[in-house]
Every structure is written in structure tokens, then in C-alpha cells.
């Protein structure tokens, strides 16, 4: 996505065409909730947001305090409430490309930007675009710089484990796991910080497996995605999973599933990278560390996201 110079009026190019705006928008509707993290990180307050699904009742805890909670829910991302959006009289609608079937209706109500919320650098591209639209390009660049600095710190630690293959897994039942492949969005972030996921499965982002089958997959270290309800060390307590070579060797890292699976934007990415940093800094029982490095606690600590 590209854009012209950040002067009013401004024409921006997006996934389904181009949109011209006479001035920075003030009444913004987001039709996919992942956009809320990106806009909040840039100080953009929406007046309307769709829910992930009908069960959603609030916003992620790490976004509270960043968002004025007087916005209106306008349906779900699968079924936006067009009447509710119209009543809000938006001067900009931001939608995801997965909602392209709604583009004619959205664009008839207000100028509409369509962005892509997956793949490498997805939030960075959205932030760049919004920086032009809202005259916040400096803020967008600062977010990306901070994110890359944190990634570089993690990459420095990861370089101590040259050639090590990791496999992100989620325990989904007794002796059962969901293994995330190199085509998952999570693998994109891991690759950016120097952790390689080599497992693939017929162009799928993940595959559900009996735990015993993990032993045959290309991995040296497991990255276990924990939900708040999961006990610490859960994988070590399962009679099948604890027999896996990586588990027996103590090469297990635990991170919060919310940051790892949502990958909504700069805030959750940084939280995940900070967790990876902490796990790597503890040291792993890796038999072939890069001899050019030594296992010493790295400083300084990554910056924290409040």
C-alpha cells in the first residue's frame, strides 16, 4: 500500500483501490477488531468497532487505558451492522481485505480503506498507511523502530542457538497438541527474531496431532502457547508429551497464547518478544551453541509495554 505526500487532501492506495480524504478523519469505524490495537497504539480513537464474534464482551486487558470506551459495537467482523455504522456518520471506515464483499456498502457510507491483516509486516504496513491518513507518520515510524529494536535484542540471544529448529505447539487435550507450521503468522514473527520453524503441512498454518507424533517432526525446542487457565509446565505433566525428546532435554519455552496467536499489532508483538527474550535469557540445554557466543544474561532488558 502506498500513499501520496501527507498534505490535505491526500490520496491513499489500499488493497481494493484508492481513496481521497480532504482532511484527517475524526469519526472512524473499524470493521475488524484486530485494527483496534494498531489504532490505539497510534492514539487514534474509533467511534465504532466490530466484535470478533457474538461472545465478545470487552477489549483485551492490555488495551484498557489506551482507548476511550465510549465507542459503539457495530456487529461482528463476519456480519457488520450496516445500519449501526450509518447512524454513526463516519468520515472513514477501515476494513480488512477478508471483508471485501462489504466494500460497496462501506464505501457508499464513507471513504473506506481496505487493509491486509496477515503475513509479514502486516501491522507495519497498516501503521504506515494510517500515519499518512492521520498525519502521524512520525508516530508510525517510532512504533516500527521500537518493535525492530526489541526484535534485534531477541535475535542476539537466539544467535547463541545457531541451527536450532523450534516448533510452536498448543496443548488442546490429553496427549493432543496443535502444531503451528512455517506458514503461520506466528512463524513470521519467530523468523524475524532468529527462531526458525521448519515444520510444514500441505500449506496449512497448523495441524492437530497426537502428541507422540511430535517426536518425528523437525524440532529441537518446543514453544508452548499457554492460556491463562493452563498450569505452568503443563506439557511436562502429560504422560505422553513429557516423553518427547525436547521436553526430556529441557528445551521448552512457554509464552502467552494471547500474544502468540492474535498478533494484532505492535503491543502484542512486543509482549510476545519480551517473553521470548526472557525464556532465551534463562538458557536452553542446546548441545550445539554457536561457539562465537557464550551463555550470559543479556542486558539491557527489553522495554516493557504497559
Protein backbone atom coordinates (compact mmCIF):
# COMPACT_ATOMS: atom_id res chain seq x y z
CA UNK A 1 0.00 0.00 0.00
CA UNK A 2 1.39 3.37 -0.98
CA UNK A 3 0.31 6.94 -0.45
CA UNK A 4 0.94 10.45 -1.71
CA UNK A 5 2.52 13.21 0.38
CA UNK A 6 0.84 13.83 3.74
CA UNK A 7 -0.94 17.08 2.84
CA UNK A 8 -4.68 17.74 2.64
CA UNK A 9 -6.32 16.48 0.54
CA UNK A 10 -4.49 13.15 0.49
CA UNK A 11 -4.97 10.13 -1.77
CA UNK A 12 -4.03 6.74 -0.36
CA UNK A 13 -3.79 3.46 -2.23
CA UNK A 14 -5.16 0.38 -0.47
CA UNK A 15 -5.98 -3.26 -1.19
CA UNK A 16 -9.06 -2.52 -3.31
CA UNK A 17 -8.20 0.79 -4.94
CA UNK A 18 -7.60 4.32 -3.76
CA UNK A 19 -9.37 6.78 -1.50
CA UNK A 20 -9.05 10.56 -1.27
CA UNK A 21 -9.52 12.35 2.04
CA UNK A 22 -9.83 16.11 2.36
CA UNK A 23 -8.58 16.22 5.96
CA UNK A 24 -7.56 13.84 8.77
CA UNK A 25 -10.64 11.79 9.76
CA UNK A 26 -12.25 12.25 13.18
CA UNK A 27 -15.10 9.73 13.09
CA UNK A 28 -13.51 6.36 12.36
CA UNK A 29 -15.20 2.95 12.25
CA UNK A 30 -13.13 -0.27 12.35
CA UNK A 31 -14.84 -3.30 10.82
CA UNK A 32 -12.27 -5.84 12.08
CA UNK A 33 -11.34 -5.78 15.78
CA UNK A 34 -7.64 -6.51 15.25
CA UNK A 35 -7.37 -2.96 13.93
CA UNK A 36 -8.17 -1.62 17.40
CA UNK A 37 -4.68 -2.43 18.66
CA UNK A 38 -2.96 -0.66 15.79
CA UNK A 39 -5.11 2.47 16.04
CA UNK A 40 -4.82 2.63 19.83
CA UNK A 41 -1.03 2.38 19.63
CA UNK A 42 -1.15 5.45 17.37
CA UNK A 43 -3.56 7.41 19.55
CA UNK A 44 -6.48 7.08 17.12
CA UNK A 45 -9.84 6.74 18.88
CA UNK A 46 -12.59 4.98 16.86
CA UNK A 47 -16.30 5.67 17.30
CA UNK A 48 -17.35 2.19 16.14
CA UNK A 49 -15.76 -1.28 16.20
CA UNK A 50 -16.99 -4.74 15.23
CA UNK A 51 -16.64 -7.67 17.60
CA UNK A 52 -14.60 -10.81 16.92
CA UNK A 53 -17.81 -12.77 17.48
CA UNK A 54 -21.08 -12.51 19.38
CA UNK A 55 -19.44 -13.85 22.56
CA UNK A 56 -17.03 -10.94 22.85
CA UNK A 57 -17.97 -8.59 25.69
CA UNK A 58 -14.95 -6.32 26.03
CA UNK A 59 -11.49 -5.45 24.82
CA UNK A 60 -8.14 -7.12 25.64
CA UNK A 61 -6.79 -6.10 29.05
CA UNK A 62 -3.60 -4.65 27.58
CA UNK A 63 -5.63 -2.12 25.56
CA UNK A 64 -7.53 -0.76 28.56
CA UNK A 65 -6.34 2.72 29.40
CA UNK A 66 -5.40 3.35 25.78
CA UNK A 67 -8.92 3.51 24.42
CA UNK A 68 -11.88 5.72 25.25
CA UNK A 69 -14.55 3.12 25.92
CA UNK A 70 -17.45 5.18 24.61
CA UNK A 71 -17.26 3.66 21.13
CA UNK A 72 -20.18 1.62 19.81
CA UNK A 73 -20.11 -2.06 18.87
CA UNK A 74 -21.30 -2.35 15.26
CA UNK A 75 -21.93 -6.05 14.71
CA UNK A 76 -19.24 -8.67 14.20
CA UNK A 77 -16.43 -8.84 11.68
CA UNK A 78 -18.33 -11.61 9.88
CA UNK A 79 -21.59 -9.62 9.89
CA UNK A 80 -21.08 -5.87 10.30
CA UNK A 81 -24.21 -3.94 11.32
CA UNK A 82 -24.55 -1.58 8.37
CA UNK A 83 -27.38 0.43 9.92
CA UNK A 84 -25.41 0.97 13.11
CA UNK A 85 -22.39 2.11 11.10
CA UNK A 86 -24.51 4.51 9.06
CA UNK A 87 -26.01 6.07 12.20
CA UNK A 88 -22.53 6.90 13.48
CA UNK A 89 -21.90 9.10 10.40
CA UNK A 90 -18.27 8.02 9.96
CA UNK A 91 -15.85 10.04 7.88
CA UNK A 92 -13.61 6.96 7.45
CA UNK A 93 -14.19 3.20 7.53
CA UNK A 94 -11.19 0.87 7.84
CA UNK A 95 -11.87 -2.72 6.76
CA UNK A 96 -9.84 -5.88 6.21
CA UNK A 97 -9.47 -7.43 2.77
CA UNK A 98 -11.30 -10.52 4.06
CA UNK A 99 -14.39 -8.27 4.16
CA UNK A 100 -14.16 -7.19 0.54
CA UNK A 101 -17.74 -8.30 -0.13
CA UNK A 102 -18.86 -5.39 2.06
CA UNK A 103 -16.72 -2.80 0.28
CA UNK A 104 -19.54 -1.39 -1.91
CA UNK A 105 -21.73 -0.79 1.15
CA UNK A 106 -18.90 0.61 3.26
CA UNK A 107 -17.68 2.97 0.55
CA UNK A 108 -21.22 4.25 -0.06
CA UNK A 109 -21.34 5.41 3.59
CA UNK A 110 -17.86 6.93 3.93
CA UNK A 111 -14.37 6.87 2.41
CA UNK A 112 -13.08 3.35 3.02
CA UNK A 113 -9.59 1.89 3.36
CA UNK A 114 -9.11 -1.85 2.92
CA UNK A 115 -6.00 -3.33 4.53
CA UNK A 116 -4.47 -6.80 4.86
CA UNK A 117 -4.21 -8.17 8.39
CA UNK A 118 -1.92 -11.17 7.96
CA UNK A 119 1.52 -12.07 6.73
CA UNK A 120 4.90 -10.44 7.20
CA UNK A 121 4.90 -6.82 8.38
CA UNK A 122 1.09 -6.69 8.33
CA UNK A 123 0.64 -4.17 11.13
CA UNK A 124 3.63 -2.15 9.98
CA UNK A 125 2.02 -1.65 6.57
CA UNK A 126 -1.27 -0.64 8.18
CA UNK A 127 0.51 1.76 10.54
CA UNK A 128 2.36 3.35 7.62
CA UNK A 129 -0.91 3.92 5.79
CA UNK A 130 -2.65 5.34 8.85
CA UNK A 131 0.35 7.56 9.51
CA UNK A 132 -0.28 9.28 6.20
CA UNK A 133 -4.06 9.47 6.61
CA UNK A 134 -3.94 10.88 10.16
CA UNK A 135 -0.73 12.90 9.73
CA UNK A 136 1.03 10.63 12.23
CA UNK A 137 3.84 9.26 10.07
CA UNK A 138 6.43 10.06 12.74
CA UNK A 139 4.47 8.07 15.30
CA UNK A 140 4.14 5.11 12.92
CA UNK A 141 7.89 5.14 12.29
CA UNK A 142 8.60 5.29 16.04
CA UNK A 143 6.40 2.23 16.66
CA UNK A 144 8.20 0.26 13.96
CA UNK A 145 11.62 1.33 15.20
CA UNK A 146 10.82 0.26 18.76
CA UNK A 147 9.47 -3.09 17.55
CA UNK A 148 12.57 -3.77 15.47
CA UNK A 149 14.86 -2.84 18.36
CA UNK A 150 13.10 -5.39 20.56
CA UNK A 151 13.31 -7.98 17.77
CA UNK A 152 17.04 -7.32 17.44
CA UNK A 153 17.57 -7.97 21.17
CA UNK A 154 15.79 -11.31 20.88
CA UNK A 155 17.72 -12.16 17.71
CA UNK A 156 21.02 -11.54 19.52
CA UNK A 157 20.08 -14.13 22.15
CA UNK A 158 18.71 -16.54 19.54
CA UNK A 159 22.04 -16.43 17.67
CA UNK A 160 23.51 -18.47 20.54
CA UNK A 161 21.48 -21.41 19.25
CA UNK A 162 22.62 -21.47 15.64
CA UNK A 163 20.73 -24.05 13.60
CA UNK A 164 18.15 -24.76 16.30
CA UNK A 165 14.66 -25.51 14.98
CA UNK A 166 11.64 -24.52 17.06
CA UNK A 167 8.06 -25.74 16.93
CA UNK A 168 5.20 -23.71 18.44
CA UNK A 169 2.58 -26.00 19.99
CA UNK A 170 -0.64 -25.61 21.93
CA UNK A 171 -1.93 -28.38 24.19
CA UNK A 172 -5.56 -28.95 23.12
CA UNK A 173 -6.35 -32.10 25.10
CA UNK A 174 -4.85 -35.16 26.76
CA UNK A 175 -1.87 -36.25 24.63
CA UNK A 176 -3.06 -33.85 21.86
CA UNK A 177 -1.37 -30.75 20.51
CA UNK A 178 -1.85 -28.18 17.79
CA UNK A 179 1.44 -27.66 15.97
CA UNK A 180 1.96 -24.39 14.08
CA UNK A 181 3.75 -24.59 10.75
CA UNK A 182 6.16 -22.26 8.99
CA UNK A 183 3.15 -20.82 7.11
CA UNK A 184 1.55 -19.49 10.31
CA UNK A 185 1.67 -15.79 11.17
CA UNK A 186 3.45 -16.78 14.38
CA UNK A 187 6.29 -18.33 12.35
CA UNK A 188 6.73 -14.98 10.59
CA UNK A 189 7.48 -13.24 13.88
CA UNK A 190 9.70 -16.07 15.11
CA UNK A 191 11.74 -15.92 11.92
CA UNK A 192 12.16 -12.16 12.40
CA UNK A 193 13.76 -12.78 15.80
CA UNK A 194 16.03 -15.56 14.57
CA UNK A 195 13.99 -18.61 15.60
CA UNK A 196 13.35 -20.97 12.69
CA UNK A 197 10.17 -23.02 12.24
CA UNK A 198 10.77 -25.67 9.57
CA UNK A 199 7.66 -27.82 10.02
CA UNK A 200 5.18 -27.61 7.12
CA UNK A 201 1.98 -29.46 6.28
CA UNK A 202 0.23 -29.08 2.91
CA UNK A 203 0.06 -25.27 3.03
CA UNK A 204 -1.77 -25.30 6.37
CA UNK A 205 -0.90 -22.84 9.17
CA UNK A 206 -1.36 -25.54 11.81
CA UNK A 207 -2.21 -29.20 12.25
CA UNK A 208 -3.68 -31.13 15.19
CA UNK A 209 -1.70 -34.22 16.18
CA UNK A 210 -1.42 -36.98 18.73
CA UNK A 211 1.43 -35.92 20.99
CA UNK A 212 3.50 -38.98 20.25
CA UNK A 213 3.80 -37.97 16.58
CA UNK A 214 5.67 -34.80 17.54
CA UNK A 215 8.80 -36.88 18.05
CA UNK A 216 9.10 -37.30 14.29
CA UNK A 217 8.77 -33.61 13.46
CA UNK A 218 11.73 -31.33 12.68
CA UNK A 219 12.21 -29.60 16.03
CA UNK A 220 14.84 -29.14 18.71
CA UNK A 221 12.84 -26.88 21.03
CA UNK A 222 9.12 -26.56 21.75
CA UNK A 223 7.48 -23.17 22.23
CA UNK A 224 4.38 -23.93 24.28
CA UNK A 225 1.50 -21.45 23.96
CA UNK A 226 -0.18 -21.14 27.35
CA UNK A 227 -3.70 -19.90 28.03
CA UNK A 228 -4.39 -18.18 31.38
CA UNK A 229 -6.19 -21.33 32.56
CA UNK A 230 -3.27 -23.63 31.68
CA UNK A 231 -0.99 -24.65 34.57
CA UNK A 232 2.70 -23.87 34.26
CA UNK A 233 4.68 -26.84 32.97
CA UNK A 234 1.53 -28.50 31.61
CA UNK A 235 3.37 -30.27 28.80
CA UNK A 236 5.79 -31.85 31.30
CA UNK A 237 2.91 -33.40 33.24
CA UNK A 238 1.27 -35.15 30.30
CA UNK A 239 2.48 -38.80 30.30
CA UNK A 240 2.89 -38.83 26.50
CA UNK A 241 4.14 -35.31 25.85
CA UNK A 242 6.77 -35.44 28.57
CA UNK A 243 8.47 -38.31 26.69
CA UNK A 244 9.24 -36.05 23.73
CA UNK A 245 13.00 -35.53 23.23
CA UNK A 246 12.75 -31.73 23.53
CA UNK A 247 10.80 -31.98 26.79
CA UNK A 248 13.14 -34.58 28.29
CA UNK A 249 16.11 -32.40 27.35
CA UNK A 250 14.55 -29.33 28.98
CA UNK A 251 14.24 -27.42 25.72
CA UNK A 252 10.79 -25.94 26.31
CA UNK A 253 9.80 -22.27 26.25
CA UNK A 254 6.41 -21.11 27.50
CA UNK A 255 4.73 -17.96 26.15
CA UNK A 256 1.26 -16.47 26.48
CA UNK A 257 -1.10 -17.81 23.82
CA UNK A 258 -2.95 -14.49 23.52
CA UNK A 259 0.13 -12.64 22.27
CA UNK A 260 1.29 -15.51 20.07
CA UNK A 261 -1.98 -16.30 18.30
CA UNK A 262 -3.61 -12.89 17.95
CA UNK A 263 -0.59 -10.99 16.57
CA UNK A 264 -2.80 -7.93 16.33
CA UNK A 265 -0.16 -5.23 16.29
CA UNK A 266 2.84 -3.59 17.92
CA UNK A 267 1.68 -4.06 21.52
CA UNK A 268 1.02 -7.81 21.43
CA UNK A 269 4.09 -8.39 19.25
CA UNK A 270 6.30 -6.65 21.80
CA UNK A 271 4.77 -8.56 24.69
CA UNK A 272 5.48 -11.84 22.88
CA UNK A 273 9.04 -10.82 22.01
CA UNK A 274 9.68 -9.83 25.63
CA UNK A 275 8.52 -13.28 26.75
CA UNK A 276 10.77 -14.98 24.20
CA UNK A 277 13.65 -12.81 25.40
CA UNK A 278 13.07 -13.87 28.99
CA UNK A 279 12.88 -17.56 28.08
CA UNK A 280 16.03 -17.46 25.94
CA UNK A 281 17.87 -15.49 28.60
CA UNK A 282 17.31 -18.32 31.08
CA UNK A 283 19.28 -20.61 28.76
CA UNK A 284 18.32 -23.80 26.95
CA UNK A 285 20.02 -27.19 27.04
CA UNK A 286 21.16 -26.92 23.43
CA UNK A 287 24.04 -29.23 22.51
CA UNK A 288 25.42 -27.12 19.64
CA UNK A 289 25.52 -23.45 20.63
CA UNK A 290 27.32 -21.03 18.36
CA UNK A 291 30.89 -21.08 19.73
CA UNK A 292 31.22 -17.37 19.00
CA UNK A 293 28.73 -16.64 21.80
CA UNK A 294 28.53 -17.57 25.45
CA UNK A 295 25.51 -18.15 27.65
CA UNK A 296 25.49 -14.98 29.74
CA UNK A 297 22.44 -12.95 30.81
CA UNK A 298 21.90 -10.29 28.18
CA UNK A 299 21.41 -6.63 29.04
CA UNK A 300 19.56 -4.35 28.80
CA UNK A 301 16.13 -5.92 29.26
CA UNK A 302 13.61 -5.22 26.50
CA UNK A 303 11.35 -2.25 27.09
CA UNK A 304 8.02 -3.09 28.67
CA UNK A 305 4.61 -2.47 27.17
CA UNK A 306 2.25 -1.05 29.75
